[in-house]
Amino acid sequence: MIAEEKEKNMLRGLMLSSASTLDILFGKSALTFVTTLVLIAACAFIMGYSPANLFVVSLALIVSTFFYIGIGTILGLMTKTVMEASLIVMPAFFFFSFSPMWSVYEERFAIIGLLEYLPNIVLIDLAHQIEAGAGLASTWVELVILLA
């Protein structure tokens, strides 16, 4: 949305309004945040996913959503057009989407061990722990990693 508004020079009008930069960014991010949570809930309902501890999983999803919205906002601010935004988001999209597949090479390449701190892999680990019966006290490390 930010790249589109920059392309159509609507962002300049917003910046000249009485709203602060933080208000504008929070407003743009709020729509994305709500849409993301609705889509996650719909997908979980369709797939029949009901975690053992809904509170911990929801908290982790909310925190990781903030991370991904932040990444998208930063990349959107770096571009001038929607086409550039689509192009610049692709490497980040592939990196976060396919990083769990690289973990099989962790024994051969030690640097791949750093991938276990990425939000998507932390979410997968947290989901496995929740399904094994863990609670908030057992998953606080993963939640702190997501917050960081």
N, C-alpha and C. Protein backbone atom coordinates (compact mmCIF):
# COMPACT_ATOMS: atom_id res chain seq x y z
N MET A 1 0.83 -1.19 0.00
CA MET A 1 0.00 0.00 0.00
C MET A 1 0.87 1.25 0.00
N ILE A 2 1.95 1.19 0.73
CA ILE A 2 2.82 2.37 0.81
C ILE A 2 3.47 2.64 -0.55
N ALA A 3 3.92 1.57 -1.21
CA ALA A 3 4.54 1.76 -2.53
C ALA A 3 3.53 2.31 -3.53
N GLU A 4 2.29 1.85 -3.46
CA GLU A 4 1.27 2.35 -4.37
C GLU A 4 0.98 3.83 -4.11
N GLU A 5 0.92 4.20 -2.85
CA GLU A 5 0.67 5.61 -2.53
C GLU A 5 1.85 6.50 -2.91
N LYS A 6 3.06 5.97 -2.79
CA LYS A 6 4.23 6.74 -3.23
C LYS A 6 4.19 6.92 -4.74
N GLU A 7 3.78 5.86 -5.45
CA GLU A 7 3.73 5.92 -6.91
C GLU A 7 2.69 6.93 -7.39
N LYS A 8 1.57 7.02 -6.71
CA LYS A 8 0.48 7.91 -7.13
C LYS A 8 0.54 9.26 -6.42
N ASN A 9 1.63 9.51 -5.70
CA ASN A 9 1.85 10.76 -4.97
C ASN A 9 0.77 11.06 -3.92
N MET A 10 0.13 10.01 -3.42
CA MET A 10 -0.86 10.20 -2.35
C MET A 10 -0.17 10.27 -0.99
N LEU A 11 0.99 9.66 -0.89
CA LEU A 11 1.71 9.66 0.38
C LEU A 11 2.16 11.07 0.75
N ARG A 12 2.49 11.87 -0.24
CA ARG A 12 2.89 13.26 0.02
C ARG A 12 1.73 14.03 0.68
N GLY A 13 0.52 13.82 0.19
CA GLY A 13 -0.65 14.46 0.78
C GLY A 13 -0.88 14.01 2.20
N LEU A 14 -0.68 12.74 2.45
CA LEU A 14 -0.81 12.23 3.82
C LEU A 14 0.24 12.83 4.74
N MET A 15 1.45 12.96 4.23
CA MET A 15 2.53 13.51 5.06
C MET A 15 2.29 14.99 5.38
N LEU A 16 1.59 15.69 4.48
CA LEU A 16 1.29 17.10 4.72
C LEU A 16 0.06 17.30 5.60
N SER A 17 -0.66 16.22 5.87
CA SER A 17 -1.85 16.33 6.72
C SER A 17 -1.43 16.46 8.19
N SER A 18 -2.41 16.58 9.05
CA SER A 18 -2.11 16.74 10.48
C SER A 18 -1.68 15.44 11.14
N ALA A 19 -1.81 14.33 10.44
CA ALA A 19 -1.41 13.04 11.01
C ALA A 19 0.11 12.93 11.04
N SER A 20 0.62 12.35 12.10
CA SER A 20 2.07 12.16 12.20
C SER A 20 2.49 10.96 11.34
N THR A 21 3.77 10.85 11.10
CA THR A 21 4.29 9.72 10.32
C THR A 21 3.95 8.41 11.00
N LEU A 22 4.04 8.37 12.33
CA LEU A 22 3.71 7.17 13.07
C LEU A 22 2.24 6.82 12.92
N ASP A 23 1.36 7.83 12.93
CA ASP A 23 -0.07 7.59 12.72
C ASP A 23 -0.34 6.98 11.35
N ILE A 24 0.34 7.49 10.35
CA ILE A 24 0.15 6.98 8.99
C ILE A 24 0.62 5.54 8.89
N LEU A 25 1.80 5.25 9.43
CA LEU A 25 2.32 3.88 9.37
C LEU A 25 1.47 2.92 10.18
N PHE A 26 1.00 3.34 11.36
CA PHE A 26 0.13 2.47 12.16
C PHE A 26 -1.21 2.24 11.46
N GLY A 27 -1.73 3.26 10.82
CA GLY A 27 -2.99 3.10 10.09
C GLY A 27 -2.87 2.13 8.94
N LYS A 28 -1.80 2.24 8.19
CA LYS A 28 -1.57 1.32 7.07
C LYS A 28 -1.34 -0.10 7.58
N SER A 29 -0.60 -0.22 8.66
CA SER A 29 -0.28 -1.54 9.21
C SER A 29 -1.49 -2.19 9.88
N ALA A 30 -2.39 -1.39 10.43
CA ALA A 30 -3.56 -1.95 11.12
C ALA A 30 -4.44 -2.74 10.17
N LEU A 31 -4.65 -2.21 8.97
CA LEU A 31 -5.46 -2.92 7.98
C LEU A 31 -4.81 -4.25 7.61
N THR A 32 -3.53 -4.24 7.39
CA THR A 32 -2.80 -5.46 7.06
C THR A 32 -2.84 -6.44 8.22
N PHE A 33 -2.69 -5.94 9.44
CA PHE A 33 -2.70 -6.79 10.63
C PHE A 33 -4.05 -7.50 10.79
N VAL A 34 -5.12 -6.75 10.69
CA VAL A 34 -6.46 -7.34 10.85
C VAL A 34 -6.74 -8.34 9.74
N THR A 35 -6.39 -7.99 8.51
CA THR A 35 -6.60 -8.90 7.39
C THR A 35 -5.80 -10.18 7.57
N THR A 36 -4.58 -10.07 8.02
CA THR A 36 -3.74 -11.25 8.24
C THR A 36 -4.34 -12.16 9.31
N LEU A 37 -4.78 -11.58 10.41
CA LEU A 37 -5.36 -12.40 11.48
C LEU A 37 -6.65 -13.08 11.04
N VAL A 38 -7.46 -12.39 10.26
CA VAL A 38 -8.69 -13.00 9.74
C VAL A 38 -8.35 -14.16 8.81
N LEU A 39 -7.37 -13.97 7.94
CA LEU A 39 -6.96 -15.03 7.02
C LEU A 39 -6.37 -16.23 7.76
N ILE A 40 -5.57 -15.97 8.78
CA ILE A 40 -5.00 -17.07 9.56
C ILE A 40 -6.11 -17.85 10.26
N ALA A 41 -7.06 -17.14 10.84
CA ALA A 41 -8.18 -17.80 11.51
C ALA A 41 -9.02 -18.61 10.52
N ALA A 42 -9.26 -18.05 9.33
CA ALA A 42 -10.04 -18.76 8.32
C ALA A 42 -9.31 -20.02 7.85
N CYS A 43 -8.00 -19.89 7.63
CA CYS A 43 -7.21 -21.06 7.19
C CYS A 43 -7.17 -22.13 8.27
N ALA A 44 -7.02 -21.73 9.52
CA ALA A 44 -7.01 -22.70 10.62
C ALA A 44 -8.36 -23.40 10.73
N PHE A 45 -9.43 -22.65 10.53
CA PHE A 45 -10.78 -23.25 10.58
C PHE A 45 -10.99 -24.23 9.44
N ILE A 46 -10.60 -23.84 8.23
CA ILE A 46 -10.77 -24.71 7.06
C ILE A 46 -9.95 -25.98 7.21
N MET A 47 -8.71 -25.83 7.72
CA MET A 47 -7.83 -26.99 7.86
C MET A 47 -8.14 -27.82 9.12
N GLY A 48 -8.99 -27.31 9.99
CA GLY A 48 -9.34 -28.02 11.20
C GLY A 48 -8.25 -27.99 12.25
N TYR A 49 -7.43 -26.96 12.22
CA TYR A 49 -6.33 -26.84 13.18
C TYR A 49 -6.84 -26.20 14.47
N SER A 50 -6.76 -26.96 15.53
CA SER A 50 -7.13 -26.42 16.84
C SER A 50 -6.00 -26.78 17.81
N PRO A 51 -5.13 -25.82 18.07
CA PRO A 51 -3.97 -26.10 18.93
C PRO A 51 -4.38 -26.41 20.35
N ALA A 52 -3.53 -27.14 21.03
CA ALA A 52 -3.80 -27.50 22.42
C ALA A 52 -3.82 -26.27 23.31
N ASN A 53 -3.00 -25.27 22.99
CA ASN A 53 -2.95 -24.04 23.78
C ASN A 53 -3.13 -22.87 22.82
N LEU A 54 -4.38 -22.48 22.61
CA LEU A 54 -4.70 -21.43 21.65
C LEU A 54 -4.08 -20.10 22.02
N PHE A 55 -3.97 -19.81 23.31
CA PHE A 55 -3.41 -18.53 23.75
C PHE A 55 -1.96 -18.36 23.31
N VAL A 56 -1.14 -19.37 23.53
CA VAL A 56 0.29 -19.28 23.19
C VAL A 56 0.47 -19.20 21.68
N VAL A 57 -0.27 -20.01 20.94
CA VAL A 57 -0.15 -19.99 19.48
C VAL A 57 -0.62 -18.64 18.94
N SER A 58 -1.72 -18.12 19.47
CA SER A 58 -2.22 -16.82 19.03
C SER A 58 -1.22 -15.71 19.33
N LEU A 59 -0.63 -15.75 20.51
CA LEU A 59 0.37 -14.75 20.89
C LEU A 59 1.57 -14.81 19.95
N ALA A 60 2.02 -16.01 19.64
CA ALA A 60 3.16 -16.16 18.73
C ALA A 60 2.82 -15.68 17.33
N LEU A 61 1.62 -15.96 16.86
CA LEU A 61 1.22 -15.51 15.53
C LEU A 61 1.10 -13.99 15.48
N ILE A 62 0.60 -13.38 16.53
CA ILE A 62 0.48 -11.92 16.56
C ILE A 62 1.85 -11.27 16.54
N VAL A 63 2.77 -11.80 17.33
CA VAL A 63 4.13 -11.23 17.36
C VAL A 63 4.82 -11.40 16.02
N SER A 64 4.69 -12.57 15.40
CA SER A 64 5.34 -12.78 14.11
C SER A 64 4.68 -11.95 13.01
N THR A 65 3.38 -11.68 13.15
CA THR A 65 2.70 -10.82 12.19
C THR A 65 3.28 -9.41 12.23
N PHE A 66 3.57 -8.91 13.43
CA PHE A 66 4.21 -7.60 13.55
C PHE A 66 5.55 -7.59 12.83
N PHE A 67 6.32 -8.67 12.97
CA PHE A 67 7.62 -8.76 12.31
C PHE A 67 7.47 -8.67 10.80
N TYR A 68 6.56 -9.47 10.25
CA TYR A 68 6.41 -9.50 8.79
C TYR A 68 5.81 -8.20 8.25
N ILE A 69 4.93 -7.57 9.00
CA ILE A 69 4.41 -6.27 8.58
C ILE A 69 5.54 -5.24 8.59
N GLY A 70 6.41 -5.31 9.58
CA GLY A 70 7.56 -4.41 9.63
C GLY A 70 8.48 -4.59 8.44
N ILE A 71 8.76 -5.83 8.09
CA ILE A 71 9.60 -6.12 6.92
C ILE A 71 8.94 -5.55 5.66
N GLY A 72 7.65 -5.80 5.51
CA GLY A 72 6.93 -5.30 4.33
C GLY A 72 6.90 -3.78 4.28
N THR A 73 6.73 -3.15 5.42
CA THR A 73 6.71 -1.69 5.46
C THR A 73 8.07 -1.11 5.08
N ILE A 74 9.12 -1.67 5.62
CA ILE A 74 10.47 -1.19 5.29
C ILE A 74 10.75 -1.37 3.80
N LEU A 75 10.42 -2.53 3.26
CA LEU A 75 10.66 -2.77 1.84
C LEU A 75 9.77 -1.87 0.97
N GLY A 76 8.53 -1.62 1.41
CA GLY A 76 7.65 -0.72 0.67
C GLY A 76 8.14 0.71 0.67
N LEU A 77 8.74 1.14 1.78
CA LEU A 77 9.27 2.49 1.85
C LEU A 77 10.52 2.66 0.99
N MET A 78 11.23 1.57 0.73
CA MET A 78 12.44 1.64 -0.08
C MET A 78 12.16 1.74 -1.58
N THR A 79 10.93 1.45 -1.97
CA THR A 79 10.61 1.42 -3.41
C THR A 79 9.78 2.63 -3.81
N LYS A 80 9.71 2.85 -5.11
CA LYS A 80 8.95 3.99 -5.64
C LYS A 80 7.66 3.56 -6.31
N THR A 81 7.61 2.33 -6.84
CA THR A 81 6.42 1.86 -7.54
C THR A 81 5.99 0.51 -7.00
N VAL A 82 4.78 0.12 -7.36
CA VAL A 82 4.26 -1.19 -6.94
C VAL A 82 5.07 -2.31 -7.58
N MET A 83 5.50 -2.11 -8.82
CA MET A 83 6.31 -3.12 -9.50
C MET A 83 7.64 -3.33 -8.78
N GLU A 84 8.28 -2.24 -8.37
CA GLU A 84 9.53 -2.37 -7.61
C GLU A 84 9.28 -3.07 -6.29
N ALA A 85 8.17 -2.74 -5.63
CA ALA A 85 7.86 -3.37 -4.36
C ALA A 85 7.65 -4.87 -4.53
N SER A 86 6.95 -5.25 -5.60
CA SER A 86 6.74 -6.68 -5.86
C SER A 86 8.06 -7.39 -6.11
N LEU A 87 8.96 -6.71 -6.77
CA LEU A 87 10.25 -7.31 -7.09
C LEU A 87 11.16 -7.40 -5.86
N ILE A 88 11.18 -6.35 -5.06
CA ILE A 88 12.09 -6.33 -3.91
C ILE A 88 11.61 -7.24 -2.78
N VAL A 89 10.32 -7.55 -2.74
CA VAL A 89 9.77 -8.42 -1.70
C VAL A 89 10.09 -9.89 -2.00
N MET A 90 10.29 -10.23 -3.26
CA MET A 90 10.50 -11.63 -3.64
C MET A 90 11.67 -12.31 -2.92
N PRO A 91 12.86 -11.70 -2.85
CA PRO A 91 13.94 -12.39 -2.12
C PRO A 91 13.59 -12.66 -0.65
N ALA A 92 12.95 -11.69 0.00
CA ALA A 92 12.55 -11.90 1.39
C ALA A 92 11.50 -13.00 1.48
N PHE A 93 10.56 -13.00 0.55
CA PHE A 93 9.52 -14.02 0.51
C PHE A 93 10.13 -15.41 0.37
N PHE A 94 11.05 -15.57 -0.58
CA PHE A 94 11.69 -16.87 -0.77
C PHE A 94 12.55 -17.25 0.43
N PHE A 95 13.26 -16.29 0.99
CA PHE A 95 14.12 -16.58 2.13
C PHE A 95 13.32 -17.12 3.31
N PHE A 96 12.23 -16.44 3.65
CA PHE A 96 11.44 -16.89 4.80
C PHE A 96 10.59 -18.11 4.48
N SER A 97 10.17 -18.26 3.23
CA SER A 97 9.33 -19.40 2.87
C SER A 97 10.12 -20.71 2.80
N PHE A 98 11.31 -20.65 2.25
CA PHE A 98 12.06 -21.87 2.01
C PHE A 98 13.13 -22.18 3.05
N SER A 99 13.31 -21.31 4.03
CA SER A 99 14.34 -21.56 5.03
C SER A 99 14.14 -22.84 5.83
N PRO A 100 12.91 -23.31 6.12
CA PRO A 100 12.80 -24.59 6.82
C PRO A 100 13.38 -25.77 6.03
N MET A 101 13.38 -25.67 4.71
CA MET A 101 13.92 -26.76 3.90
C MET A 101 15.43 -26.85 3.98
N TRP A 102 16.08 -25.75 4.31
CA TRP A 102 17.54 -25.75 4.38
C TRP A 102 18.06 -26.38 5.66
N SER A 103 17.21 -26.60 6.62
CA SER A 103 17.67 -27.13 7.91
C SER A 103 18.23 -28.55 7.79
N VAL A 104 17.92 -29.27 6.72
CA VAL A 104 18.48 -30.62 6.54
C VAL A 104 19.98 -30.56 6.30
N TYR A 105 20.49 -29.40 5.89
CA TYR A 105 21.92 -29.24 5.63
C TYR A 105 22.68 -28.68 6.82
N GLU A 106 22.04 -28.62 7.97
CA GLU A 106 22.66 -28.01 9.15
C GLU A 106 23.91 -28.75 9.60
N GLU A 107 23.94 -30.06 9.45
CA GLU A 107 25.12 -30.81 9.86
C GLU A 107 26.31 -30.54 8.94
N ARG A 108 26.05 -30.26 7.67
CA ARG A 108 27.13 -30.00 6.72
C ARG A 108 27.62 -28.57 6.76
N PHE A 109 26.70 -27.64 7.00
CA PHE A 109 27.04 -26.22 7.00
C PHE A 109 26.58 -25.62 8.32
N ALA A 110 27.51 -25.25 9.16
CA ALA A 110 27.17 -24.77 10.50
C ALA A 110 26.37 -23.47 10.49
N ILE A 111 26.58 -22.65 9.48
CA ILE A 111 25.88 -21.36 9.44
C ILE A 111 24.37 -21.53 9.30
N ILE A 112 23.93 -22.64 8.77
CA ILE A 112 22.50 -22.89 8.62
C ILE A 112 21.84 -23.02 9.99
N GLY A 113 22.61 -23.30 11.02
CA GLY A 113 22.07 -23.35 12.37
C GLY A 113 21.46 -22.03 12.82
N LEU A 114 21.90 -20.93 12.22
CA LEU A 114 21.33 -19.62 12.56
C LEU A 114 19.89 -19.47 12.09
N LEU A 115 19.51 -20.28 11.11
CA LEU A 115 18.14 -20.19 10.59
C LEU A 115 17.10 -20.56 11.63
N GLU A 116 17.48 -21.31 12.65
CA GLU A 116 16.50 -21.71 13.65
C GLU A 116 15.99 -20.53 14.49
N TYR A 117 16.57 -19.37 14.31
CA TYR A 117 16.11 -18.17 15.01
C TYR A 117 15.19 -17.31 14.15
N LEU A 118 14.92 -17.73 12.92
CA LEU A 118 13.98 -17.00 12.08
C LEU A 118 12.57 -17.20 12.60
N PRO A 119 11.71 -16.19 12.46
CA PRO A 119 10.36 -16.29 13.03
C PRO A 119 9.54 -17.48 12.52
N ASN A 120 9.67 -17.82 11.24
CA ASN A 120 8.87 -18.92 10.73
C ASN A 120 9.31 -20.26 11.32
N ILE A 121 10.59 -20.45 11.51
CA ILE A 121 11.07 -21.70 12.09
C ILE A 121 10.77 -21.75 13.59
N VAL A 122 10.86 -20.61 14.25
CA VAL A 122 10.50 -20.56 15.67
C VAL A 122 9.02 -20.88 15.84
N LEU A 123 8.17 -20.41 14.93
CA LEU A 123 6.75 -20.73 14.98
C LEU A 123 6.50 -22.22 14.80
N ILE A 124 7.24 -22.84 13.90
CA ILE A 124 7.09 -24.28 13.68
C ILE A 124 7.50 -25.04 14.94
N ASP A 125 8.63 -24.66 15.54
CA ASP A 125 9.07 -25.31 16.78
C ASP A 125 8.06 -25.12 17.90
N LEU A 126 7.54 -23.91 18.01
CA LEU A 126 6.55 -23.62 19.04
C LEU A 126 5.30 -24.46 18.84
N ALA A 127 4.84 -24.60 17.60
CA ALA A 127 3.65 -25.41 17.31
C ALA A 127 3.88 -26.87 17.67
N HIS A 128 5.08 -27.38 17.38
CA HIS A 128 5.39 -28.77 17.75
C HIS A 128 5.39 -28.94 19.27
N GLN A 129 5.93 -27.97 19.98
CA GLN A 129 5.95 -28.05 21.44
C GLN A 129 4.54 -28.00 22.01
N ILE A 130 3.70 -27.14 21.46
CA ILE A 130 2.32 -27.03 21.93
C ILE A 130 1.57 -28.34 21.70
N GLU A 131 1.77 -28.94 20.55
CA GLU A 131 1.10 -30.21 20.27
C GLU A 131 1.62 -31.33 21.15
N ALA A 132 2.84 -31.19 21.66
CA ALA A 132 3.40 -32.18 22.58
C ALA A 132 2.94 -31.94 24.01
N GLY A 133 2.15 -30.87 24.22
CA GLY A 133 1.60 -30.61 25.55
C GLY A 133 2.26 -29.49 26.32
N ALA A 134 3.15 -28.74 25.70
CA ALA A 134 3.82 -27.64 26.38
C ALA A 134 2.86 -26.48 26.60
N GLY A 135 3.15 -25.68 27.59
CA GLY A 135 2.35 -24.50 27.88
C GLY A 135 3.18 -23.24 27.75
N LEU A 136 2.65 -22.17 28.31
CA LEU A 136 3.33 -20.87 28.23
C LEU A 136 4.68 -20.91 28.94
N ALA A 137 4.76 -21.59 30.07
CA ALA A 137 6.02 -21.66 30.81
C ALA A 137 7.11 -22.40 30.03
N SER A 138 6.72 -23.34 29.20
CA SER A 138 7.70 -24.12 28.44
C SER A 138 8.11 -23.46 27.13
N THR A 139 7.28 -22.54 26.65
CA THR A 139 7.55 -21.94 25.35
C THR A 139 7.98 -20.48 25.43
N TRP A 140 8.33 -20.03 26.61
CA TRP A 140 8.69 -18.61 26.76
C TRP A 140 9.95 -18.25 25.98
N VAL A 141 10.87 -19.20 25.80
CA VAL A 141 12.09 -18.92 25.04
C VAL A 141 11.75 -18.58 23.59
N GLU A 142 10.86 -19.37 22.98
CA GLU A 142 10.45 -19.11 21.61
C GLU A 142 9.73 -17.76 21.49
N LEU A 143 8.91 -17.43 22.48
CA LEU A 143 8.21 -16.16 22.44
C LEU A 143 9.18 -14.98 22.58
N VAL A 144 10.22 -15.15 23.38
CA VAL A 144 11.23 -14.09 23.53
C VAL A 144 12.01 -13.93 22.22
N ILE A 145 12.32 -15.05 21.55
CA ILE A 145 13.01 -14.97 20.27
C ILE A 145 12.15 -14.23 19.26
N LEU A 146 10.84 -14.53 19.23
CA LEU A 146 9.94 -13.84 18.32
C LEU A 146 9.88 -12.34 18.64
N LEU A 147 9.84 -12.01 19.91
CA LEU A 147 9.80 -10.59 20.30
C LEU A 147 11.08 -9.87 19.90
N ALA A 148 12.20 -10.56 20.01
CA ALA A 148 13.48 -9.94 19.66
C ALA A 148 13.55 -9.68 18.19
